[in-house]
Amino acid sequence: MSVFTIYMPSVYANITEEMISKTYHRMNIGKVKHVEFISTTGKANRAHVFFSEMYDSDESRDVQDNV
């Protein structure tokens, strides 16, 4: 079970799960459990980002409040 999920409507096709995971960690938001990509035609995909942990930080709370 994930503690939080974010839907990303547009993600460049060359972006990987590892890149997304490292970005959310570096931004002090949370630990990504896994990412599900939804292939679309064109240069971008869609993605669901599932978190196993949300960090206790202002950045993380801002994301949660705005979603």
C-alpha atoms as a PDB file:
ATOM      1  CA  MET A   1       0.000   0.000   0.000  1.00  0.00           C
ATOM      2  CA  SER A   2       1.195   3.490  -0.798  1.00  0.00           C
ATOM      3  CA  VAL A   3       0.915   6.365   1.624  1.00  0.00           C
ATOM      4  CA  PHE A   4       0.520   8.930  -1.173  1.00  0.00           C
ATOM      5  CA  THR A   5       0.201   8.942  -4.964  1.00  0.00           C
ATOM      6  CA  ILE A   6       0.810  11.687  -7.515  1.00  0.00           C
ATOM      7  CA  TYR A   7      -0.468  11.644 -11.092  1.00  0.00           C
ATOM      8  CA  MET A   8       1.838  13.303 -13.611  1.00  0.00           C
ATOM      9  CA  PRO A   9      -0.071  14.061 -16.826  1.00  0.00           C
ATOM     10  CA  SER A  10       3.044  14.659 -18.913  1.00  0.00           C
ATOM     11  CA  VAL A  11       6.479  13.054 -18.518  1.00  0.00           C
ATOM     12  CA  TYR A  12       9.067  13.028 -21.291  1.00  0.00           C
ATOM     13  CA  ALA A  13       9.532   9.525 -22.698  1.00  0.00           C
ATOM     14  CA  ASN A  14      13.222   9.454 -21.735  1.00  0.00           C
ATOM     15  CA  ILE A  15      12.489   9.958 -18.004  1.00  0.00           C
ATOM     16  CA  THR A  16      13.004   6.821 -15.900  1.00  0.00           C
ATOM     17  CA  GLU A  17      11.605   5.613 -12.590  1.00  0.00           C
ATOM     18  CA  GLU A  18      15.031   6.097 -11.025  1.00  0.00           C
ATOM     19  CA  MET A  19      15.183   9.712 -12.201  1.00  0.00           C
ATOM     20  CA  ILE A  20      11.751  10.479 -10.724  1.00  0.00           C
ATOM     21  CA  SER A  21      12.624   8.703  -7.468  1.00  0.00           C
ATOM     22  CA  LYS A  22      15.901  10.591  -7.050  1.00  0.00           C
ATOM     23  CA  THR A  23      14.224  13.916  -7.839  1.00  0.00           C
ATOM     24  CA  TYR A  24      11.507  13.526  -5.190  1.00  0.00           C
ATOM     25  CA  HIS A  25      14.152  12.434  -2.663  1.00  0.00           C
ATOM     26  CA  ARG A  26      16.463  15.327  -3.541  1.00  0.00           C
ATOM     27  CA  MET A  27      13.558  17.773  -3.267  1.00  0.00           C
ATOM     28  CA  ASN A  28      12.938  16.422   0.279  1.00  0.00           C
ATOM     29  CA  ILE A  29       9.399  15.277  -0.568  1.00  0.00           C
ATOM     30  CA  GLY A  30       9.351  11.524  -0.089  1.00  0.00           C
ATOM     31  CA  LYS A  31      10.566   8.028  -0.869  1.00  0.00           C
ATOM     32  CA  VAL A  32       9.121   6.632  -4.095  1.00  0.00           C
ATOM     33  CA  LYS A  33       7.882   3.035  -3.903  1.00  0.00           C
ATOM     34  CA  HIS A  34       7.373   2.677  -7.654  1.00  0.00           C
ATOM     35  CA  VAL A  35       6.259   4.503 -10.796  1.00  0.00           C
ATOM     36  CA  GLU A  36       3.707   3.258 -13.312  1.00  0.00           C
ATOM     37  CA  PHE A  37       4.160   4.781 -16.756  1.00  0.00           C
ATOM     38  CA  ILE A  38       1.267   5.045 -19.189  1.00  0.00           C
ATOM     39  CA  SER A  39       2.486   5.114 -22.766  1.00  0.00           C
ATOM     40  CA  THR A  40       0.998   7.712 -25.075  1.00  0.00           C
ATOM     41  CA  THR A  41       1.701   8.637 -28.635  1.00  0.00           C
ATOM     42  CA  GLY A  42       4.215  11.406 -29.016  1.00  0.00           C
ATOM     43  CA  LYS A  43       7.161  12.610 -26.972  1.00  0.00           C
ATOM     44  CA  ALA A  44       5.588  12.299 -23.534  1.00  0.00           C
ATOM     45  CA  ASN A  45       4.040   9.651 -21.279  1.00  0.00           C
ATOM     46  CA  ARG A  46       1.842   9.852 -18.205  1.00  0.00           C
ATOM     47  CA  ALA A  47       2.858   8.498 -14.818  1.00  0.00           C
ATOM     48  CA  HIS A  48       1.491   7.536 -11.419  1.00  0.00           C
ATOM     49  CA  VAL A  49       4.104   7.987  -8.679  1.00  0.00           C
ATOM     50  CA  PHE A  50       3.493   5.859  -5.592  1.00  0.00           C
ATOM     51  CA  PHE A  51       5.260   6.836  -2.361  1.00  0.00           C
ATOM     52  CA  SER A  52       6.133   4.460   0.467  1.00  0.00           C
ATOM     53  CA  GLU A  53       7.012   7.380   2.739  1.00  0.00           C
ATOM     54  CA  MET A  54       6.417  11.121   2.800  1.00  0.00           C
ATOM     55  CA  TYR A  55       9.162  13.058   4.543  1.00  0.00           C
ATOM     56  CA  ASP A  56       8.467  15.301   7.527  1.00  0.00           C
ATOM     57  CA  SER A  57       9.464  18.508   5.753  1.00  0.00           C
ATOM     58  CA  ASP A  58       7.949  21.798   4.636  1.00  0.00           C
ATOM     59  CA  GLU A  59       8.425  20.767   0.996  1.00  0.00           C
ATOM     60  CA  SER A  60       6.538  17.523   1.516  1.00  0.00           C
ATOM     61  CA  ARG A  61       3.687  19.206   3.385  1.00  0.00           C
ATOM     62  CA  ASP A  62       3.406  21.832   0.611  1.00  0.00           C
ATOM     63  CA  VAL A  63       3.041  19.105  -2.025  1.00  0.00           C
ATOM     64  CA  GLN A  64       0.447  17.227   0.034  1.00  0.00           C
ATOM     65  CA  ASP A  65      -1.541  20.398   0.760  1.00  0.00           C
ATOM     66  CA  ASN A  66      -1.557  21.451  -2.888  1.00  0.00           C
ATOM     67  CA  VAL A  67      -2.657  18.061  -4.195  1.00  0.00           C
END
